[in-house]
Amino acid sequence: MVDLNDIHPMTGFLRDHKAHIQRLAQTGKPEVLTVNGSARVVVQDVAAYQKLLDQVQLAEDVRIIRDRLAGVKRGEAGVPLEEAVKEIGERLGIEPTHGG
């Protein structure tokens, strides 16, 4: 969530970018930058951004699984377990293991 106290003018960010970057890294929270008083850009530490992307990907994976399970409950043809596991592994970047 964007903290309304972390709104700064772009000129201030450009003038003292090192302090802003340090604060972004320490807090993990984004800052909103304004141009002529209007919010224009959100900046965020790369580690916090990656965490956000990971959370979005997880939410999307859960949505897909829920949709597919609901389809099976409605009597729709499902996906074979091996295919589903392979697809999930690919989305998560997990190499399949062989044997057993």
PDB file of N, CA and C in Angstrom:
ATOM      1  N   MET A   1       0.844  -1.174   0.000  1.00  0.00           N
ATOM      2  CA  MET A   1       0.000   0.000   0.000  1.00  0.00           C
ATOM      3  C   MET A   1       0.887   1.234   0.000  1.00  0.00           C
ATOM      4  N   VAL A   2       0.493   2.212  -0.755  1.00  0.00           N
ATOM      5  CA  VAL A   2       1.247   3.453  -0.823  1.00  0.00           C
ATOM      6  C   VAL A   2       0.897   4.309   0.384  1.00  0.00           C
ATOM      7  N   ASP A   3       1.928   4.719   1.099  1.00  0.00           N
ATOM      8  CA  ASP A   3       1.756   5.587   2.265  1.00  0.00           C
ATOM      9  C   ASP A   3       1.647   7.027   1.778  1.00  0.00           C
ATOM     10  N   LEU A   4       0.588   7.695   2.150  1.00  0.00           N
ATOM     11  CA  LEU A   4       0.389   9.066   1.696  1.00  0.00           C
ATOM     12  C   LEU A   4       1.457  10.015   2.224  1.00  0.00           C
ATOM     13  N   ASN A   5       2.251   9.559   3.185  1.00  0.00           N
ATOM     14  CA  ASN A   5       3.368  10.368   3.664  1.00  0.00           C
ATOM     15  C   ASN A   5       4.606  10.196   2.790  1.00  0.00           C
ATOM     16  N   ASP A   6       4.583   9.220   1.883  1.00  0.00           N
ATOM     17  CA  ASP A   6       5.719   8.974   0.997  1.00  0.00           C
ATOM     18  C   ASP A   6       5.455   9.530  -0.395  1.00  0.00           C
ATOM     19  N   ILE A   7       4.941  10.740  -0.442  1.00  0.00           N
ATOM     20  CA  ILE A   7       4.728  11.453  -1.694  1.00  0.00           C
ATOM     21  C   ILE A   7       5.726  12.596  -1.734  1.00  0.00           C
ATOM     22  N   HIS A   8       6.511  12.626  -2.801  1.00  0.00           N
ATOM     23  CA  HIS A   8       7.591  13.607  -2.898  1.00  0.00           C
ATOM     24  C   HIS A   8       7.597  14.217  -4.297  1.00  0.00           C
ATOM     25  N   PRO A   9       8.029  15.474  -4.404  1.00  0.00           N
ATOM     26  CA  PRO A   9       8.162  16.065  -5.736  1.00  0.00           C
ATOM     27  C   PRO A   9       9.340  15.431  -6.480  1.00  0.00           C
ATOM     28  N   MET A  10       9.183  15.289  -7.778  1.00  0.00           N
ATOM     29  CA  MET A  10      10.247  14.721  -8.607  1.00  0.00           C
ATOM     30  C   MET A  10      11.536  15.518  -8.451  1.00  0.00           C
ATOM     31  N   THR A  11      11.424  16.831  -8.345  1.00  0.00           N
ATOM     32  CA  THR A  11      12.628  17.656  -8.213  1.00  0.00           C
ATOM     33  C   THR A  11      13.397  17.303  -6.943  1.00  0.00           C
ATOM     34  N   GLY A  12      12.679  17.023  -5.854  1.00  0.00           N
ATOM     35  CA  GLY A  12      13.342  16.620  -4.610  1.00  0.00           C
ATOM     36  C   GLY A  12      14.032  15.275  -4.758  1.00  0.00           C
ATOM     37  N   PHE A  13      13.382  14.356  -5.473  1.00  0.00           N
ATOM     38  CA  PHE A  13      13.987  13.048  -5.721  1.00  0.00           C
ATOM     39  C   PHE A  13      15.260  13.204  -6.542  1.00  0.00           C
ATOM     40  N   LEU A  14      15.211  14.008  -7.580  1.00  0.00           N
ATOM     41  CA  LEU A  14      16.387  14.203  -8.429  1.00  0.00           C
ATOM     42  C   LEU A  14      17.511  14.899  -7.673  1.00  0.00           C
ATOM     43  N   ARG A  15      17.159  15.833  -6.820  1.00  0.00           N
ATOM     44  CA  ARG A  15      18.154  16.590  -6.065  1.00  0.00           C
ATOM     45  C   ARG A  15      18.844  15.722  -5.005  1.00  0.00           C
ATOM     46  N   ASP A  16      18.080  14.831  -4.359  1.00  0.00           N
ATOM     47  CA  ASP A  16      18.631  14.028  -3.255  1.00  0.00           C
ATOM     48  C   ASP A  16      18.304  12.548  -3.471  1.00  0.00           C
ATOM     49  N   HIS A  17      18.594  12.061  -4.670  1.00  0.00           N
ATOM     50  CA  HIS A  17      18.223  10.683  -5.020  1.00  0.00           C
ATOM     51  C   HIS A  17      18.883   9.634  -4.139  1.00  0.00           C
ATOM     52  N   LYS A  18      20.092   9.897  -3.673  1.00  0.00           N
ATOM     53  CA  LYS A  18      20.776   8.904  -2.832  1.00  0.00           C
ATOM     54  C   LYS A  18      19.994   8.633  -1.540  1.00  0.00           C
ATOM     55  N   ALA A  19      19.493   9.683  -0.912  1.00  0.00           N
ATOM     56  CA  ALA A  19      18.714   9.512   0.327  1.00  0.00           C
ATOM     57  C   ALA A  19      17.414   8.772   0.042  1.00  0.00           C
ATOM     58  N   HIS A  20      16.777   9.096  -1.082  1.00  0.00           N
ATOM     59  CA  HIS A  20      15.530   8.406  -1.440  1.00  0.00           C
ATOM     60  C   HIS A  20      15.786   6.924  -1.691  1.00  0.00           C
ATOM     61  N   ILE A  21      16.839   6.621  -2.426  1.00  0.00           N
ATOM     62  CA  ILE A  21      17.163   5.227  -2.736  1.00  0.00           C
ATOM     63  C   ILE A  21      17.497   4.466  -1.462  1.00  0.00           C
ATOM     64  N   GLN A  22      18.217   5.090  -0.560  1.00  0.00           N
ATOM     65  CA  GLN A  22      18.528   4.448   0.720  1.00  0.00           C
ATOM     66  C   GLN A  22      17.249   4.162   1.506  1.00  0.00           C
ATOM     67  N   ARG A  23      16.331   5.115   1.541  1.00  0.00           N
ATOM     68  CA  ARG A  23      15.069   4.933   2.258  1.00  0.00           C
ATOM     69  C   ARG A  23      14.232   3.828   1.606  1.00  0.00           C
ATOM     70  N   LEU A  24      14.211   3.795   0.284  1.00  0.00           N
ATOM     71  CA  LEU A  24      13.479   2.741  -0.418  1.00  0.00           C
ATOM     72  C   LEU A  24      14.022   1.367  -0.065  1.00  0.00           C
ATOM     73  N   ALA A  25      15.338   1.244  -0.012  1.00  0.00           N
ATOM     74  CA  ALA A  25      15.954  -0.045   0.312  1.00  0.00           C
ATOM     75  C   ALA A  25      15.692  -0.438   1.765  1.00  0.00           C
ATOM     76  N   GLN A  26      15.730   0.525   2.668  1.00  0.00           N
ATOM     77  CA  GLN A  26      15.532   0.236   4.090  1.00  0.00           C
ATOM     78  C   GLN A  26      14.087  -0.135   4.410  1.00  0.00           C
ATOM     79  N   THR A  27      13.137   0.594   3.847  1.00  0.00           N
ATOM     80  CA  THR A  27      11.738   0.381   4.213  1.00  0.00           C
ATOM     81  C   THR A  27      11.042  -0.652   3.337  1.00  0.00           C
ATOM     82  N   GLY A  28      11.494  -0.799   2.090  1.00  0.00           N
ATOM     83  CA  GLY A  28      10.818  -1.693   1.155  1.00  0.00           C
ATOM     84  C   GLY A  28       9.497  -1.128   0.660  1.00  0.00           C
ATOM     85  N   LYS A  29       9.195   0.097   1.040  1.00  0.00           N
ATOM     86  CA  LYS A  29       7.934   0.723   0.643  1.00  0.00           C
ATOM     87  C   LYS A  29       8.164   1.651  -0.550  1.00  0.00           C
ATOM     88  N   PRO A  30       7.181   1.739  -1.435  1.00  0.00           N
ATOM     89  CA  PRO A  30       7.329   2.610  -2.592  1.00  0.00           C
ATOM     90  C   PRO A  30       7.127   4.080  -2.228  1.00  0.00           C
ATOM     91  N   GLU A  31       7.595   4.946  -3.102  1.00  0.00           N
ATOM     92  CA  GLU A  31       7.353   6.377  -2.980  1.00  0.00           C
ATOM     93  C   GLU A  31       6.618   6.843  -4.234  1.00  0.00           C
ATOM     94  N   VAL A  32       5.724   7.777  -4.060  1.00  0.00           N
ATOM     95  CA  VAL A  32       5.040   8.413  -5.183  1.00  0.00           C
ATOM     96  C   VAL A  32       5.768   9.719  -5.472  1.00  0.00           C
ATOM     97  N   LEU A  33       6.095   9.925  -6.744  1.00  0.00           N
ATOM     98  CA  LEU A  33       6.738  11.174  -7.142  1.00  0.00           C
ATOM     99  C   LEU A  33       5.736  12.005  -7.933  1.00  0.00           C
ATOM    100  N   THR A  34       5.756  13.307  -7.646  1.00  0.00           N
ATOM    101  CA  THR A  34       4.809  14.211  -8.300  1.00  0.00           C
ATOM    102  C   THR A  34       5.528  15.124  -9.282  1.00  0.00           C
ATOM    103  N   VAL A  35       4.783  15.535 -10.288  1.00  0.00           N
ATOM    104  CA  VAL A  35       5.242  16.553 -11.228  1.00  0.00           C
ATOM    105  C   VAL A  35       4.146  17.606 -11.260  1.00  0.00           C
ATOM    106  N   ASN A  36       4.523  18.823 -10.949  1.00  0.00           N
ATOM    107  CA  ASN A  36       3.557  19.932 -10.873  1.00  0.00           C
ATOM    108  C   ASN A  36       2.385  19.596  -9.955  1.00  0.00           C
ATOM    109  N   GLY A  37       2.672  18.910  -8.851  1.00  0.00           N
ATOM    110  CA  GLY A  37       1.659  18.611  -7.849  1.00  0.00           C
ATOM    111  C   GLY A  37       0.787  17.404  -8.134  1.00  0.00           C
ATOM    112  N   SER A  38       0.974  16.763  -9.282  1.00  0.00           N
ATOM    113  CA  SER A  38       0.175  15.572  -9.631  1.00  0.00           C
ATOM    114  C   SER A  38       1.023  14.320  -9.534  1.00  0.00           C
ATOM    115  N   ALA A  39       0.463  13.280  -8.926  1.00  0.00           N
ATOM    116  CA  ALA A  39       1.176  12.000  -8.825  1.00  0.00           C
ATOM    117  C   ALA A  39       1.431  11.475 -10.234  1.00  0.00           C
ATOM    118  N   ARG A  40       2.700  11.141 -10.524  1.00  0.00           N
ATOM    119  CA  ARG A  40       3.053  10.704 -11.868  1.00  0.00           C
ATOM    120  C   ARG A  40       3.794   9.376 -11.905  1.00  0.00           C
ATOM    121  N   VAL A  41       4.610   9.102 -10.878  1.00  0.00           N
ATOM    122  CA  VAL A  41       5.487   7.941 -10.920  1.00  0.00           C
ATOM    123  C   VAL A  41       5.562   7.310  -9.540  1.00  0.00           C
ATOM    124  N   VAL A  42       5.661   5.978  -9.523  1.00  0.00           N
ATOM    125  CA  VAL A  42       5.925   5.253  -8.289  1.00  0.00           C
ATOM    126  C   VAL A  42       7.301   4.620  -8.434  1.00  0.00           C
ATOM    127  N   VAL A  43       8.158   4.819  -7.439  1.00  0.00           N
ATOM    128  CA  VAL A  43       9.484   4.192  -7.444  1.00  0.00           C
ATOM    129  C   VAL A  43       9.556   3.229  -6.268  1.00  0.00           C
ATOM    130  N   GLN A  44      10.297   2.138  -6.487  1.00  0.00           N
ATOM    131  CA  GLN A  44      10.354   1.095  -5.471  1.00  0.00           C
ATOM    132  C   GLN A  44      11.695   0.377  -5.552  1.00  0.00           C
ATOM    133  N   ASP A  45      12.173  -0.082  -4.425  1.00  0.00           N
ATOM    134  CA  ASP A  45      13.382  -0.881  -4.349  1.00  0.00           C
ATOM    135  C   ASP A  45      13.172  -2.168  -5.145  1.00  0.00           C
ATOM    136  N   VAL A  46      14.213  -2.638  -5.813  1.00  0.00           N
ATOM    137  CA  VAL A  46      14.086  -3.807  -6.680  1.00  0.00           C
ATOM    138  C   VAL A  46      13.710  -5.071  -5.904  1.00  0.00           C
ATOM    139  N   ALA A  47      14.218  -5.252  -4.698  1.00  0.00           N
ATOM    140  CA  ALA A  47      13.872  -6.450  -3.912  1.00  0.00           C
ATOM    141  C   ALA A  47      12.394  -6.421  -3.525  1.00  0.00           C
ATOM    142  N   ALA A  48      11.891  -5.256  -3.140  1.00  0.00           N
ATOM    143  CA  ALA A  48      10.476  -5.128  -2.788  1.00  0.00           C
ATOM    144  C   ALA A  48       9.606  -5.337  -4.024  1.00  0.00           C
ATOM    145  N   TYR A  49      10.076  -4.850  -5.171  1.00  0.00           N
ATOM    146  CA  TYR A  49       9.326  -5.024  -6.410  1.00  0.00           C
ATOM    147  C   TYR A  49       9.261  -6.504  -6.800  1.00  0.00           C
ATOM    148  N   GLN A  50      10.382  -7.209  -6.671  1.00  0.00           N
ATOM    149  CA  GLN A  50      10.387  -8.636  -6.989  1.00  0.00           C
ATOM    150  C   GLN A  50       9.453  -9.405  -6.063  1.00  0.00           C
ATOM    151  N   LYS A  51       9.440  -9.049  -4.788  1.00  0.00           N
ATOM    152  CA  LYS A  51       8.520  -9.686  -3.848  1.00  0.00           C
ATOM    153  C   LYS A  51       7.074  -9.464  -4.281  1.00  0.00           C
ATOM    154  N   LEU A  52       6.772  -8.258  -4.714  1.00  0.00           N
ATOM    155  CA  LEU A  52       5.429  -7.946  -5.205  1.00  0.00           C
ATOM    156  C   LEU A  52       5.086  -8.792  -6.428  1.00  0.00           C
ATOM    157  N   LEU A  53       6.018  -8.898  -7.370  1.00  0.00           N
ATOM    158  CA  LEU A  53       5.783  -9.726  -8.554  1.00  0.00           C
ATOM    159  C   LEU A  53       5.557 -11.185  -8.177  1.00  0.00           C
ATOM    160  N   ASP A  54       6.324 -11.686  -7.214  1.00  0.00           N
ATOM    161  CA  ASP A  54       6.158 -13.073  -6.760  1.00  0.00           C
ATOM    162  C   ASP A  54       4.771 -13.281  -6.150  1.00  0.00           C
ATOM    163  N   GLN A  55       4.307 -12.310  -5.387  1.00  0.00           N
ATOM    164  CA  GLN A  55       2.977 -12.409  -4.774  1.00  0.00           C
ATOM    165  C   GLN A  55       1.880 -12.385  -5.836  1.00  0.00           C
ATOM    166  N   VAL A  56       2.047 -11.565  -6.838  1.00  0.00           N
ATOM    167  CA  VAL A  56       1.071 -11.506  -7.933  1.00  0.00           C
ATOM    168  C   VAL A  56       1.051 -12.839  -8.674  1.00  0.00           C
ATOM    169  N   GLN A  57       2.225 -13.405  -8.939  1.00  0.00           N
ATOM    170  CA  GLN A  57       2.297 -14.688  -9.637  1.00  0.00           C
ATOM    171  C   GLN A  57       1.625 -15.789  -8.819  1.00  0.00           C
ATOM    172  N   LEU A  58       1.867 -15.808  -7.517  1.00  0.00           N
ATOM    173  CA  LEU A  58       1.233 -16.800  -6.655  1.00  0.00           C
ATOM    174  C   LEU A  58      -0.282 -16.653  -6.681  1.00  0.00           C
ATOM    175  N   ALA A  59      -0.764 -15.423  -6.597  1.00  0.00           N
ATOM    176  CA  ALA A  59      -2.213 -15.188  -6.641  1.00  0.00           C
ATOM    177  C   ALA A  59      -2.794 -15.673  -7.965  1.00  0.00           C
ATOM    178  N   GLU A  60      -2.091 -15.454  -9.054  1.00  0.00           N
ATOM    179  CA  GLU A  60      -2.556 -15.917 -10.361  1.00  0.00           C
ATOM    180  C   GLU A  60      -2.571 -17.444 -10.424  1.00  0.00           C
ATOM    181  N   ASP A  61      -1.540 -18.079  -9.880  1.00  0.00           N
ATOM    182  CA  ASP A  61      -1.502 -19.545  -9.859  1.00  0.00           C
ATOM    183  C   ASP A  61      -2.664 -20.112  -9.046  1.00  0.00           C
ATOM    184  N   VAL A  62      -2.936 -19.518  -7.898  1.00  0.00           N
ATOM    185  CA  VAL A  62      -4.048 -19.968  -7.055  1.00  0.00           C
ATOM    186  C   VAL A  62      -5.372 -19.786  -7.790  1.00  0.00           C
ATOM    187  N   ARG A  63      -5.529 -18.664  -8.488  1.00  0.00           N
ATOM    188  CA  ARG A  63      -6.756 -18.425  -9.258  1.00  0.00           C
ATOM    189  C   ARG A  63      -6.955 -19.496 -10.326  1.00  0.00           C
ATOM    190  N   ILE A  64      -5.891 -19.839 -11.027  1.00  0.00           N
ATOM    191  CA  ILE A  64      -5.983 -20.872 -12.073  1.00  0.00           C
ATOM    192  C   ILE A  64      -6.374 -22.207 -11.468  1.00  0.00           C
ATOM    193  N   ILE A  65      -5.744 -22.572 -10.357  1.00  0.00           N
ATOM    194  CA  ILE A  65      -6.058 -23.849  -9.702  1.00  0.00           C
ATOM    195  C   ILE A  65      -7.516 -23.868  -9.252  1.00  0.00           C
ATOM    196  N   ARG A  66      -7.976 -22.770  -8.645  1.00  0.00           N
ATOM    197  CA  ARG A  66      -9.382 -22.698  -8.206  1.00  0.00           C
ATOM    198  C   ARG A  66     -10.341 -22.812  -9.383  1.00  0.00           C
ATOM    199  N   ASP A  67     -10.027 -22.125 -10.476  1.00  0.00           N
ATOM    200  CA  ASP A  67     -10.879 -22.190 -11.665  1.00  0.00           C
ATOM    201  C   ASP A  67     -10.953 -23.612 -12.212  1.00  0.00           C
ATOM    202  N   ARG A  68      -9.826 -24.275 -12.249  1.00  0.00           N
ATOM    203  CA  ARG A  68      -9.802 -25.646 -12.782  1.00  0.00           C
ATOM    204  C   ARG A  68     -10.533 -26.614 -11.866  1.00  0.00           C
ATOM    205  N   LEU A  69     -10.359 -26.451 -10.566  1.00  0.00           N
ATOM    206  CA  LEU A  69     -11.088 -27.318  -9.630  1.00  0.00           C
ATOM    207  C   LEU A  69     -12.592 -27.076  -9.734  1.00  0.00           C
ATOM    208  N   ALA A  70     -12.994 -25.829  -9.883  1.00  0.00           N
ATOM    209  CA  ALA A  70     -14.416 -25.516 -10.043  1.00  0.00           C
ATOM    210  C   ALA A  70     -14.950 -26.140 -11.328  1.00  0.00           C
ATOM    211  N   GLY A  71     -14.146 -26.135 -12.380  1.00  0.00           N
ATOM    212  CA  GLY A  71     -14.546 -26.762 -13.631  1.00  0.00           C
ATOM    213  C   GLY A  71     -14.756 -28.252 -13.483  1.00  0.00           C
ATOM    214  N   VAL A  72     -13.867 -28.898 -12.756  1.00  0.00           N
ATOM    215  CA  VAL A  72     -14.007 -30.342 -12.509  1.00  0.00           C
ATOM    216  C   VAL A  72     -15.282 -30.606 -11.712  1.00  0.00           C
ATOM    217  N   LYS A  73     -15.576 -29.778 -10.718  1.00  0.00           N
ATOM    218  CA  LYS A  73     -16.808 -29.939  -9.934  1.00  0.00           C
ATOM    219  C   LYS A  73     -18.052 -29.775 -10.804  1.00  0.00           C
ATOM    220  N   ARG A  74     -17.944 -28.941 -11.843  1.00  0.00           N
ATOM    221  CA  ARG A  74     -19.076 -28.752 -12.756  1.00  0.00           C
ATOM    222  C   ARG A  74     -19.168 -29.872 -13.793  1.00  0.00           C
ATOM    223  N   GLY A  75     -18.212 -30.801 -13.735  1.00  0.00           N
ATOM    224  CA  GLY A  75     -18.238 -31.925 -14.664  1.00  0.00           C
ATOM    225  C   GLY A  75     -17.448 -31.702 -15.937  1.00  0.00           C
ATOM    226  N   GLU A  76     -16.698 -30.608 -16.005  1.00  0.00           N
ATOM    227  CA  GLU A  76     -15.873 -30.353 -17.174  1.00  0.00           C
ATOM    228  C   GLU A  76     -14.657 -31.280 -17.153  1.00  0.00           C
ATOM    229  N   ALA A  77     -14.140 -31.561 -18.335  1.00  0.00           N
ATOM    230  CA  ALA A  77     -12.960 -32.419 -18.429  1.00  0.00           C
ATOM    231  C   ALA A  77     -11.786 -31.722 -17.746  1.00  0.00           C
ATOM    232  N   GLY A  78     -11.087 -32.443 -16.932  1.00  0.00           N
ATOM    233  CA  GLY A  78      -9.945 -31.893 -16.221  1.00  0.00           C
ATOM    234  C   GLY A  78      -8.662 -32.124 -16.984  1.00  0.00           C
ATOM    235  N   VAL A  79      -7.576 -31.773 -16.383  1.00  0.00           N
ATOM    236  CA  VAL A  79      -6.241 -31.981 -16.945  1.00  0.00           C
ATOM    237  C   VAL A  79      -5.621 -33.139 -16.178  1.00  0.00           C
ATOM    238  N   PRO A  80      -4.984 -34.072 -16.870  1.00  0.00           N
ATOM    239  CA  PRO A  80      -4.322 -35.172 -16.155  1.00  0.00           C
ATOM    240  C   PRO A  80      -3.325 -34.628 -15.126  1.00  0.00           C
ATOM    241  N   LEU A  81      -3.222 -35.324 -14.000  1.00  0.00           N
ATOM    242  CA  LEU A  81      -2.385 -34.867 -12.893  1.00  0.00           C
ATOM    243  C   LEU A  81      -0.948 -34.599 -13.330  1.00  0.00           C
ATOM    244  N   GLU A  82      -0.370 -35.504 -14.103  1.00  0.00           N
ATOM    245  CA  GLU A  82       1.026 -35.319 -14.527  1.00  0.00           C
ATOM    246  C   GLU A  82       1.187 -34.030 -15.331  1.00  0.00           C
ATOM    247  N   GLU A  83       0.212 -33.738 -16.198  1.00  0.00           N
ATOM    248  CA  GLU A  83       0.266 -32.515 -17.001  1.00  0.00           C
ATOM    249  C   GLU A  83       0.126 -31.283 -16.116  1.00  0.00           C
ATOM    250  N   ALA A  84      -0.771 -31.339 -15.147  1.00  0.00           N
ATOM    251  CA  ALA A  84      -0.969 -30.205 -14.237  1.00  0.00           C
ATOM    252  C   ALA A  84       0.284 -29.947 -13.412  1.00  0.00           C
ATOM    253  N   VAL A  85       0.893 -31.017 -12.898  1.00  0.00           N
ATOM    254  CA  VAL A  85       2.117 -30.865 -12.096  1.00  0.00           C
ATOM    255  C   VAL A  85       3.237 -30.291 -12.952  1.00  0.00           C
ATOM    256  N   LYS A  86       3.342 -30.763 -14.186  1.00  0.00           N
ATOM    257  CA  LYS A  86       4.375 -30.253 -15.094  1.00  0.00           C
ATOM    258  C   LYS A  86       4.168 -28.760 -15.351  1.00  0.00           C
ATOM    259  N   GLU A  87       2.928 -28.374 -15.617  1.00  0.00           N
ATOM    260  CA  GLU A  87       2.628 -26.969 -15.895  1.00  0.00           C
ATOM    261  C   GLU A  87       2.929 -26.089 -14.688  1.00  0.00           C
ATOM    262  N   ILE A  88       2.537 -26.531 -13.513  1.00  0.00           N
ATOM    263  CA  ILE A  88       2.815 -25.757 -12.290  1.00  0.00           C
ATOM    264  C   ILE A  88       4.318 -25.644 -12.078  1.00  0.00           C
ATOM    265  N   GLY A  89       5.027 -26.743 -12.270  1.00  0.00           N
ATOM    266  CA  GLY A  89       6.488 -26.723 -12.129  1.00  0.00           C
ATOM    267  C   GLY A  89       7.137 -25.746 -13.090  1.00  0.00           C
ATOM    268  N   GLU A  90       6.668 -25.719 -14.329  1.00  0.00           N
ATOM    269  CA  GLU A  90       7.214 -24.785 -15.314  1.00  0.00           C
ATOM    270  C   GLU A  90       6.959 -23.339 -14.892  1.00  0.00           C
ATOM    271  N   ARG A  91       5.747 -23.063 -14.410  1.00  0.00           N
ATOM    272  CA  ARG A  91       5.417 -21.701 -13.989  1.00  0.00           C
ATOM    273  C   ARG A  91       6.271 -21.259 -12.803  1.00  0.00           C
ATOM    274  N   LEU A  92       6.626 -22.214 -11.944  1.00  0.00           N
ATOM    275  CA  LEU A  92       7.428 -21.904 -10.753  1.00  0.00           C
ATOM    276  C   LEU A  92       8.922 -22.021 -11.012  1.00  0.00           C
ATOM    277  N   GLY A  93       9.294 -22.473 -12.215  1.00  0.00           N
ATOM    278  CA  GLY A  93      10.698 -22.631 -12.541  1.00  0.00           C
ATOM    279  C   GLY A  93      11.345 -23.811 -11.843  1.00  0.00           C
ATOM    280  N   ILE A  94      10.561 -24.859 -11.596  1.00  0.00           N
ATOM    281  CA  ILE A  94      11.071 -26.053 -10.918  1.00  0.00           C
ATOM    282  C   ILE A  94      11.300 -27.141 -11.948  1.00  0.00           C
ATOM    283  N   GLU A  95      12.498 -27.658 -11.981  1.00  0.00           N
ATOM    284  CA  GLU A  95      12.831 -28.734 -12.895  1.00  0.00           C
ATOM    285  C   GLU A  95      12.166 -30.028 -12.419  1.00  0.00           C
ATOM    286  N   PRO A  96      11.620 -30.818 -13.341  1.00  0.00           N
ATOM    287  CA  PRO A  96      11.019 -32.090 -12.927  1.00  0.00           C
ATOM    288  C   PRO A  96      12.076 -33.074 -12.451  1.00  0.00           C
ATOM    289  N   THR A  97      11.688 -33.895 -11.479  1.00  0.00           N
ATOM    290  CA  THR A  97      12.593 -34.949 -11.015  1.00  0.00           C
ATOM    291  C   THR A  97      12.119 -36.256 -11.607  1.00  0.00           C
ATOM    292  N   HIS A  98      13.057 -37.125 -11.854  1.00  0.00           N
ATOM    293  CA  HIS A  98      12.723 -38.423 -12.427  1.00  0.00           C
ATOM    294  C   HIS A  98      13.000 -39.504 -11.406  1.00  0.00           C
ATOM    295  N   GLY A  99      12.210 -40.529 -11.459  1.00  0.00           N
ATOM    296  CA  GLY A  99      12.402 -41.632 -10.522  1.00  0.00           C
ATOM    297  C   GLY A  99      11.457 -41.505  -9.369  1.00  0.00           C
ATOM    298  N   GLY A 100      11.682 -42.352  -8.382  1.00  0.00           N
ATOM    299  CA  GLY A 100      10.800 -42.250  -7.425  1.00  0.00           C
ATOM    300  C   GLY A 100      10.431 -42.569  -6.187  1.00  0.00           C
TER     301      GLY A 100
END
